[in-house]
Amino acid sequence: MAYLVVRMKGTVNVPYGANYTLENLNLEKKFRATILPENPQSLGMLRKVKDLVAWTSADVQIIRELLEKRGRRPGSKPLSESAHRL
């Protein structure tokens, strides 16, 4: 399984350590999402930034729905149909 993580708070008044962790999670902007593997290292990073993000266990259906509705390639181009077949 995996964690689906969404950054809920902005960039103002974020401590340096938490900001560094968010950058490593590729969550630089508000309302960005990422998928992390369920392991102790990921859980430790999430606990460090628990006040700035929301996360849940994600199954294949949730990930597929997220990619279909909101998935983008670099340059804000939409994903093709073949890109989000899991």
PDB file of N, CA and C in Angstrom:
ATOM      1  N   MET A   1       0.842  -1.183   0.000  1.00  0.00           N
ATOM      2  CA  MET A   1       0.000   0.000   0.000  1.00  0.00           C
ATOM      3  C   MET A   1       0.887   1.246   0.000  1.00  0.00           C
ATOM      4  N   ALA A   2       0.212   2.387  -0.033  1.00  0.00           N
ATOM      5  CA  ALA A   2       0.929   3.654  -0.108  1.00  0.00           C
ATOM      6  C   ALA A   2       0.143   4.720   0.635  1.00  0.00           C
ATOM      7  N   TYR A   3       0.826   5.822   0.923  1.00  0.00           N
ATOM      8  CA  TYR A   3       0.181   6.992   1.522  1.00  0.00           C
ATOM      9  C   TYR A   3      -0.068   8.022   0.425  1.00  0.00           C
ATOM     10  N   LEU A   4      -1.236   8.614   0.447  1.00  0.00           N
ATOM     11  CA  LEU A   4      -1.539   9.764  -0.398  1.00  0.00           C
ATOM     12  C   LEU A   4      -1.429  10.980   0.497  1.00  0.00           C
ATOM     13  N   VAL A   5      -0.514  11.905   0.172  1.00  0.00           N
ATOM     14  CA  VAL A   5      -0.211  13.058   1.013  1.00  0.00           C
ATOM     15  C   VAL A   5      -0.541  14.335   0.255  1.00  0.00           C
ATOM     16  N   VAL A   6      -1.255  15.257   0.909  1.00  0.00           N
ATOM     17  CA  VAL A   6      -1.617  16.543   0.319  1.00  0.00           C
ATOM     18  C   VAL A   6      -1.162  17.646   1.260  1.00  0.00           C
ATOM     19  N   ARG A   7      -0.474  18.648   0.711  1.00  0.00           N
ATOM     20  CA  ARG A   7      -0.072  19.806   1.520  1.00  0.00           C
ATOM     21  C   ARG A   7      -1.275  20.726   1.669  1.00  0.00           C
ATOM     22  N   MET A   8      -1.621  21.053   2.903  1.00  0.00           N
ATOM     23  CA  MET A   8      -2.823  21.830   3.177  1.00  0.00           C
ATOM     24  C   MET A   8      -2.533  23.281   3.563  1.00  0.00           C
ATOM     25  N   LYS A   9      -1.337  23.567   4.037  1.00  0.00           N
ATOM     26  CA  LYS A   9      -1.010  24.925   4.463  1.00  0.00           C
ATOM     27  C   LYS A   9       0.028  25.520   3.527  1.00  0.00           C
ATOM     28  N   GLY A  10       0.085  26.820   3.484  1.00  0.00           N
ATOM     29  CA  GLY A  10       0.974  27.541   2.593  1.00  0.00           C
ATOM     30  C   GLY A  10       2.415  27.580   3.061  1.00  0.00           C
ATOM     31  N   THR A  11       3.157  28.562   2.565  1.00  0.00           N
ATOM     32  CA  THR A  11       4.596  28.632   2.809  1.00  0.00           C
ATOM     33  C   THR A  11       4.991  29.647   3.868  1.00  0.00           C
ATOM     34  N   VAL A  12       4.051  30.405   4.415  1.00  0.00           N
ATOM     35  CA  VAL A  12       4.360  31.439   5.385  1.00  0.00           C
ATOM     36  C   VAL A  12       4.517  30.817   6.774  1.00  0.00           C
ATOM     37  N   ASN A  13       5.550  31.234   7.498  1.00  0.00           N
ATOM     38  CA  ASN A  13       5.832  30.809   8.866  1.00  0.00           C
ATOM     39  C   ASN A  13       6.016  29.298   9.011  1.00  0.00           C
ATOM     40  N   VAL A  14       6.664  28.685   8.035  1.00  0.00           N
ATOM     41  CA  VAL A  14       6.969  27.257   8.099  1.00  0.00           C
ATOM     42  C   VAL A  14       8.404  27.120   8.598  1.00  0.00           C
ATOM     43  N   PRO A  15       8.639  26.339   9.663  1.00  0.00           N
ATOM     44  CA  PRO A  15      10.005  26.167  10.160  1.00  0.00           C
ATOM     45  C   PRO A  15      10.926  25.558   9.096  1.00  0.00           C
ATOM     46  N   TYR A  16      12.215  25.860   9.207  1.00  0.00           N
ATOM     47  CA  TYR A  16      13.176  25.409   8.204  1.00  0.00           C
ATOM     48  C   TYR A  16      13.171  23.890   8.059  1.00  0.00           C
ATOM     49  N   GLY A  17      13.185  23.164   9.154  1.00  0.00           N
ATOM     50  CA  GLY A  17      13.224  21.702   9.089  1.00  0.00           C
ATOM     51  C   GLY A  17      11.993  21.124   8.416  1.00  0.00           C
ATOM     52  N   ALA A  18      10.837  21.681   8.714  1.00  0.00           N
ATOM     53  CA  ALA A  18       9.604  21.217   8.084  1.00  0.00           C
ATOM     54  C   ALA A  18       9.600  21.566   6.601  1.00  0.00           C
ATOM     55  N   ASN A  19      10.093  22.746   6.251  1.00  0.00           N
ATOM     56  CA  ASN A  19      10.146  23.154   4.849  1.00  0.00           C
ATOM     57  C   ASN A  19      11.080  22.250   4.056  1.00  0.00           C
ATOM     58  N   TYR A  20      12.199  21.895   4.644  1.00  0.00           N
ATOM     59  CA  TYR A  20      13.152  20.993   3.992  1.00  0.00           C
ATOM     60  C   TYR A  20      12.512  19.627   3.750  1.00  0.00           C
ATOM     61  N   THR A  21      11.775  19.133   4.731  1.00  0.00           N
ATOM     62  CA  THR A  21      11.088  17.853   4.586  1.00  0.00           C
ATOM     63  C   THR A  21      10.031  17.923   3.492  1.00  0.00           C
ATOM     64  N   LEU A  22       9.274  19.008   3.450  1.00  0.00           N
ATOM     65  CA  LEU A  22       8.247  19.170   2.417  1.00  0.00           C
ATOM     66  C   LEU A  22       8.870  19.234   1.022  1.00  0.00           C
ATOM     67  N   GLU A  23      10.017  19.879   0.893  1.00  0.00           N
ATOM     68  CA  GLU A  23      10.703  19.917  -0.400  1.00  0.00           C
ATOM     69  C   GLU A  23      11.140  18.519  -0.811  1.00  0.00           C
ATOM     70  N   ASN A  24      11.612  17.710   0.142  1.00  0.00           N
ATOM     71  CA  ASN A  24      12.015  16.344  -0.169  1.00  0.00           C
ATOM     72  C   ASN A  24      10.825  15.467  -0.544  1.00  0.00           C
ATOM     73  N   LEU A  25       9.650  15.828  -0.075  1.00  0.00           N
ATOM     74  CA  LEU A  25       8.427  15.101  -0.428  1.00  0.00           C
ATOM     75  C   LEU A  25       7.790  15.638  -1.712  1.00  0.00           C
ATOM     76  N   ASN A  26       8.411  16.618  -2.360  1.00  0.00           N
ATOM     77  CA  ASN A  26       7.887  17.277  -3.567  1.00  0.00           C
ATOM     78  C   ASN A  26       6.548  17.948  -3.295  1.00  0.00           C
ATOM     79  N   LEU A  27       6.438  18.605  -2.154  1.00  0.00           N
ATOM     80  CA  LEU A  27       5.235  19.333  -1.777  1.00  0.00           C
ATOM     81  C   LEU A  27       5.595  20.799  -1.555  1.00  0.00           C
ATOM     82  N   GLU A  28       6.062  21.466  -2.607  1.00  0.00           N
ATOM     83  CA  GLU A  28       6.508  22.850  -2.469  1.00  0.00           C
ATOM     84  C   GLU A  28       5.353  23.839  -2.378  1.00  0.00           C
ATOM     85  N   LYS A  29       4.218  23.531  -3.002  1.00  0.00           N
ATOM     86  CA  LYS A  29       3.094  24.459  -3.044  1.00  0.00           C
ATOM     87  C   LYS A  29       1.878  23.873  -2.330  1.00  0.00           C
ATOM     88  N   LYS A  30       0.982  24.767  -1.946  1.00  0.00           N
ATOM     89  CA  LYS A  30      -0.258  24.379  -1.283  1.00  0.00           C
ATOM     90  C   LYS A  30      -1.132  23.544  -2.235  1.00  0.00           C
ATOM     91  N   PHE A  31      -1.764  22.513  -1.700  1.00  0.00           N
ATOM     92  CA  PHE A  31      -2.681  21.611  -2.404  1.00  0.00           C
ATOM     93  C   PHE A  31      -2.004  20.713  -3.424  1.00  0.00           C
ATOM     94  N   ARG A  32      -0.692  20.538  -3.332  1.00  0.00           N
ATOM     95  CA  ARG A  32      -0.015  19.540  -4.151  1.00  0.00           C
ATOM     96  C   ARG A  32      -0.133  18.199  -3.459  1.00  0.00           C
ATOM     97  N   ALA A  33      -0.152  17.144  -4.245  1.00  0.00           N
ATOM     98  CA  ALA A  33      -0.278  15.793  -3.699  1.00  0.00           C
ATOM     99  C   ALA A  33       0.897  14.938  -4.171  1.00  0.00           C
ATOM    100  N   THR A  34       1.215  13.934  -3.373  1.00  0.00           N
ATOM    101  CA  THR A  34       2.244  12.974  -3.739  1.00  0.00           C
ATOM    102  C   THR A  34       1.874  11.623  -3.136  1.00  0.00           C
ATOM    103  N   ILE A  35       2.481  10.587  -3.659  1.00  0.00           N
ATOM    104  CA  ILE A  35       2.235   9.224  -3.179  1.00  0.00           C
ATOM    105  C   ILE A  35       3.546   8.700  -2.620  1.00  0.00           C
ATOM    106  N   LEU A  36       3.488   8.211  -1.384  1.00  0.00           N
ATOM    107  CA  LEU A  36       4.674   7.691  -0.705  1.00  0.00           C
ATOM    108  C   LEU A  36       4.462   6.232  -0.341  1.00  0.00           C
ATOM    109  N   PRO A  37       5.520   5.427  -0.328  1.00  0.00           N
ATOM    110  CA  PRO A  37       5.381   4.045   0.126  1.00  0.00           C
ATOM    111  C   PRO A  37       5.142   4.005   1.636  1.00  0.00           C
ATOM    112  N   GLU A  38       4.428   2.996   2.080  1.00  0.00           N
ATOM    113  CA  GLU A  38       4.202   2.833   3.516  1.00  0.00           C
ATOM    114  C   GLU A  38       5.419   2.149   4.118  1.00  0.00           C
ATOM    115  N   ASN A  39       6.300   2.936   4.726  1.00  0.00           N
ATOM    116  CA  ASN A  39       7.462   2.409   5.431  1.00  0.00           C
ATOM    117  C   ASN A  39       7.769   3.338   6.598  1.00  0.00           C
ATOM    118  N   PRO A  40       8.614   2.917   7.521  1.00  0.00           N
ATOM    119  CA  PRO A  40       8.902   3.750   8.697  1.00  0.00           C
ATOM    120  C   PRO A  40       9.506   5.113   8.362  1.00  0.00           C
ATOM    121  N   GLN A  41      10.308   5.199   7.299  1.00  0.00           N
ATOM    122  CA  GLN A  41      10.912   6.474   6.935  1.00  0.00           C
ATOM    123  C   GLN A  41       9.854   7.478   6.472  1.00  0.00           C
ATOM    124  N   SER A  42       8.929   7.033   5.654  1.00  0.00           N
ATOM    125  CA  SER A  42       7.854   7.918   5.189  1.00  0.00           C
ATOM    126  C   SER A  42       6.984   8.369   6.347  1.00  0.00           C
ATOM    127  N   LEU A  43       6.655   7.452   7.239  1.00  0.00           N
ATOM    128  CA  LEU A  43       5.824   7.789   8.385  1.00  0.00           C
ATOM    129  C   LEU A  43       6.523   8.798   9.292  1.00  0.00           C
ATOM    130  N   GLY A  44       7.828   8.678   9.462  1.00  0.00           N
ATOM    131  CA  GLY A  44       8.584   9.643  10.252  1.00  0.00           C
ATOM    132  C   GLY A  44       8.568  11.028   9.635  1.00  0.00           C
ATOM    133  N   MET A  45       8.692  11.102   8.312  1.00  0.00           N
ATOM    134  CA  MET A  45       8.636  12.391   7.627  1.00  0.00           C
ATOM    135  C   MET A  45       7.248  13.010   7.754  1.00  0.00           C
ATOM    136  N   LEU A  46       6.219  12.184   7.655  1.00  0.00           N
ATOM    137  CA  LEU A  46       4.851  12.696   7.773  1.00  0.00           C
ATOM    138  C   LEU A  46       4.564  13.199   9.185  1.00  0.00           C
ATOM    139  N   ARG A  47       5.074  12.515  10.170  1.00  0.00           N
ATOM    140  CA  ARG A  47       4.876  12.970  11.550  1.00  0.00           C
ATOM    141  C   ARG A  47       5.581  14.297  11.803  1.00  0.00           C
ATOM    142  N   LYS A  48       6.694  14.525  11.121  1.00  0.00           N
ATOM    143  CA  LYS A  48       7.439  15.775  11.289  1.00  0.00           C
ATOM    144  C   LYS A  48       6.651  16.966  10.749  1.00  0.00           C
ATOM    145  N   VAL A  49       5.878  16.763   9.694  1.00  0.00           N
ATOM    146  CA  VAL A  49       5.123  17.850   9.063  1.00  0.00           C
ATOM    147  C   VAL A  49       3.615  17.659   9.237  1.00  0.00           C
ATOM    148  N   LYS A  50       3.213  17.003  10.298  1.00  0.00           N
ATOM    149  CA  LYS A  50       1.807  16.644  10.505  1.00  0.00           C
ATOM    150  C   LYS A  50       0.869  17.833  10.564  1.00  0.00           C
ATOM    151  N   ASP A  51       1.360  19.002  10.952  1.00  0.00           N
ATOM    152  CA  ASP A  51       0.507  20.184  11.033  1.00  0.00           C
ATOM    153  C   ASP A  51       0.323  20.873   9.687  1.00  0.00           C
ATOM    154  N   LEU A  52       1.088  20.469   8.679  1.00  0.00           N
ATOM    155  CA  LEU A  52       1.061  21.136   7.380  1.00  0.00           C
ATOM    156  C   LEU A  52       0.447  20.286   6.277  1.00  0.00           C
ATOM    157  N   VAL A  53       0.287  18.986   6.513  1.00  0.00           N
ATOM    158  CA  VAL A  53      -0.196  18.078   5.482  1.00  0.00           C
ATOM    159  C   VAL A  53      -1.342  17.231   6.007  1.00  0.00           C
ATOM    160  N   ALA A  54      -2.037  16.598   5.080  1.00  0.00           N
ATOM    161  CA  ALA A  54      -3.038  15.582   5.397  1.00  0.00           C
ATOM    162  C   ALA A  54      -2.661  14.331   4.610  1.00  0.00           C
ATOM    163  N   TRP A  55      -2.834  13.164   5.205  1.00  0.00           N
ATOM    164  CA  TRP A  55      -2.505  11.937   4.488  1.00  0.00           C
ATOM    165  C   TRP A  55      -3.465  10.827   4.863  1.00  0.00           C
ATOM    166  N   THR A  56      -3.539   9.849   3.971  1.00  0.00           N
ATOM    167  CA  THR A  56      -4.375   8.680   4.160  1.00  0.00           C
ATOM    168  C   THR A  56      -3.745   7.509   3.427  1.00  0.00           C
ATOM    169  N   SER A  57      -4.145   6.317   3.782  1.00  0.00           N
ATOM    170  CA  SER A  57      -3.726   5.146   3.016  1.00  0.00           C
ATOM    171  C   SER A  57      -4.481   5.149   1.701  1.00  0.00           C
ATOM    172  N   ALA A  58      -3.777   4.971   0.623  1.00  0.00           N
ATOM    173  CA  ALA A  58      -4.391   5.041  -0.701  1.00  0.00           C
ATOM    174  C   ALA A  58      -4.402   3.666  -1.343  1.00  0.00           C
ATOM    175  N   ASP A  59      -5.544   3.338  -1.932  1.00  0.00           N
ATOM    176  CA  ASP A  59      -5.617   2.108  -2.704  1.00  0.00           C
ATOM    177  C   ASP A  59      -5.605   2.463  -4.189  1.00  0.00           C
ATOM    178  N   VAL A  60      -5.647   1.472  -5.028  1.00  0.00           N
ATOM    179  CA  VAL A  60      -5.527   1.680  -6.469  1.00  0.00           C
ATOM    180  C   VAL A  60      -6.671   2.547  -6.997  1.00  0.00           C
ATOM    181  N   GLN A  61      -7.879   2.364  -6.490  1.00  0.00           N
ATOM    182  CA  GLN A  61      -9.029   3.119  -6.973  1.00  0.00           C
ATOM    183  C   GLN A  61      -8.872   4.623  -6.694  1.00  0.00           C
ATOM    184  N   ILE A  62      -8.413   4.979  -5.493  1.00  0.00           N
ATOM    185  CA  ILE A  62      -8.227   6.394  -5.155  1.00  0.00           C
ATOM    186  C   ILE A  62      -7.149   7.020  -6.034  1.00  0.00           C
ATOM    187  N   ILE A  63      -6.054   6.322  -6.235  1.00  0.00           N
ATOM    188  CA  ILE A  63      -4.958   6.843  -7.052  1.00  0.00           C
ATOM    189  C   ILE A  63      -5.408   7.010  -8.499  1.00  0.00           C
ATOM    190  N   ARG A  64      -6.128   6.036  -9.026  1.00  0.00           N
ATOM    191  CA  ARG A  64      -6.620   6.120 -10.397  1.00  0.00           C
ATOM    192  C   ARG A  64      -7.551   7.324 -10.576  1.00  0.00           C
ATOM    193  N   GLU A  65      -8.470   7.518  -9.627  1.00  0.00           N
ATOM    194  CA  GLU A  65      -9.407   8.633  -9.707  1.00  0.00           C
ATOM    195  C   GLU A  65      -8.677   9.979  -9.632  1.00  0.00           C
ATOM    196  N   LEU A  66      -7.693  10.074  -8.762  1.00  0.00           N
ATOM    197  CA  LEU A  66      -6.916  11.312  -8.647  1.00  0.00           C
ATOM    198  C   LEU A  66      -6.175  11.630  -9.942  1.00  0.00           C
ATOM    199  N   LEU A  67      -5.553  10.628 -10.541  1.00  0.00           N
ATOM    200  CA  LEU A  67      -4.818  10.848 -11.783  1.00  0.00           C
ATOM    201  C   LEU A  67      -5.755  11.209 -12.933  1.00  0.00           C
ATOM    202  N   GLU A  68      -6.928  10.593 -12.988  1.00  0.00           N
ATOM    203  CA  GLU A  68      -7.871  10.903 -14.063  1.00  0.00           C
ATOM    204  C   GLU A  68      -8.381  12.335 -13.966  1.00  0.00           C
ATOM    205  N   LYS A  69      -8.670  12.795 -12.762  1.00  0.00           N
ATOM    206  CA  LYS A  69      -9.256  14.117 -12.589  1.00  0.00           C
ATOM    207  C   LYS A  69      -8.223  15.237 -12.547  1.00  0.00           C
ATOM    208  N   ARG A  70      -7.080  15.016 -11.884  1.00  0.00           N
ATOM    209  CA  ARG A  70      -6.156  16.115 -11.610  1.00  0.00           C
ATOM    210  C   ARG A  70      -4.736  15.886 -12.100  1.00  0.00           C
ATOM    211  N   GLY A  71      -4.415  14.728 -12.648  1.00  0.00           N
ATOM    212  CA  GLY A  71      -3.047  14.417 -13.041  1.00  0.00           C
ATOM    213  C   GLY A  71      -2.544  15.293 -14.165  1.00  0.00           C
ATOM    214  N   ARG A  72      -1.326  15.777 -14.047  1.00  0.00           N
ATOM    215  CA  ARG A  72      -0.699  16.637 -15.056  1.00  0.00           C
ATOM    216  C   ARG A  72       0.751  16.220 -15.265  1.00  0.00           C
ATOM    217  N   ARG A  73       1.207  16.356 -16.511  1.00  0.00           N
ATOM    218  CA  ARG A  73       2.615  16.169 -16.837  1.00  0.00           C
ATOM    219  C   ARG A  73       3.326  17.494 -16.674  1.00  0.00           C
ATOM    220  N   PRO A  74       4.653  17.512 -16.719  1.00  0.00           N
ATOM    221  CA  PRO A  74       5.364  18.792 -16.672  1.00  0.00           C
ATOM    222  C   PRO A  74       4.880  19.718 -17.788  1.00  0.00           C
ATOM    223  N   GLY A  75       4.738  20.983 -17.460  1.00  0.00           N
ATOM    224  CA  GLY A  75       4.220  21.945 -18.410  1.00  0.00           C
ATOM    225  C   GLY A  75       2.708  22.046 -18.364  1.00  0.00           C
ATOM    226  N   SER A  76       2.089  21.487 -17.333  1.00  0.00           N
ATOM    227  CA  SER A  76       0.633  21.499 -17.129  1.00  0.00           C
ATOM    228  C   SER A  76      -0.129  20.843 -18.268  1.00  0.00           C
ATOM    229  N   LYS A  77       0.478  19.859 -18.910  1.00  0.00           N
ATOM    230  CA  LYS A  77      -0.206  19.122 -19.964  1.00  0.00           C
ATOM    231  C   LYS A  77      -0.961  17.949 -19.338  1.00  0.00           C
ATOM    232  N   PRO A  78      -2.167  17.670 -19.797  1.00  0.00           N
ATOM    233  CA  PRO A  78      -2.933  16.558 -19.209  1.00  0.00           C
ATOM    234  C   PRO A  78      -2.282  15.216 -19.510  1.00  0.00           C
ATOM    235  N   LEU A  79      -2.558  14.262 -18.656  1.00  0.00           N
ATOM    236  CA  LEU A  79      -2.062  12.910 -18.868  1.00  0.00           C
ATOM    237  C   LEU A  79      -2.836  12.260 -20.009  1.00  0.00           C
ATOM    238  N   SER A  80      -2.179  11.373 -20.741  1.00  0.00           N
ATOM    239  CA  SER A  80      -2.875  10.621 -21.782  1.00  0.00           C
ATOM    240  C   SER A  80      -3.615   9.462 -21.127  1.00  0.00           C
ATOM    241  N   GLU A  81      -4.516   8.843 -21.850  1.00  0.00           N
ATOM    242  CA  GLU A  81      -5.287   7.724 -21.305  1.00  0.00           C
ATOM    243  C   GLU A  81      -4.385   6.568 -20.911  1.00  0.00           C
ATOM    244  N   SER A  82      -3.345   6.296 -21.672  1.00  0.00           N
ATOM    245  CA  SER A  82      -2.485   5.165 -21.366  1.00  0.00           C
ATOM    246  C   SER A  82      -1.587   5.418 -20.157  1.00  0.00           C
ATOM    247  N   ALA A  83      -1.414   6.672 -19.754  1.00  0.00           N
ATOM    248  CA  ALA A  83      -0.484   6.995 -18.672  1.00  0.00           C
ATOM    249  C   ALA A  83      -1.015   6.604 -17.314  1.00  0.00           C
ATOM    250  N   HIS A  84      -2.322   6.556 -17.123  1.00  0.00           N
ATOM    251  CA  HIS A  84      -2.827   6.261 -15.782  1.00  0.00           C
ATOM    252  C   HIS A  84      -3.551   4.915 -15.693  1.00  0.00           C
ATOM    253  N   ARG A  85      -3.184   3.989 -16.525  1.00  0.00           N
ATOM    254  CA  ARG A  85      -3.697   2.620 -16.361  1.00  0.00           C
ATOM    255  C   ARG A  85      -2.824   1.916 -15.348  1.00  0.00           C
ATOM    256  N   LEU A  86      -3.442   1.452 -14.273  1.00  0.00           N
ATOM    257  CA  LEU A  86      -2.681   0.793 -13.210  1.00  0.00           C
ATOM    258  C   LEU A  86      -2.871  -0.694 -13.253  1.00  0.00           C
TER     259      LEU A  86
END
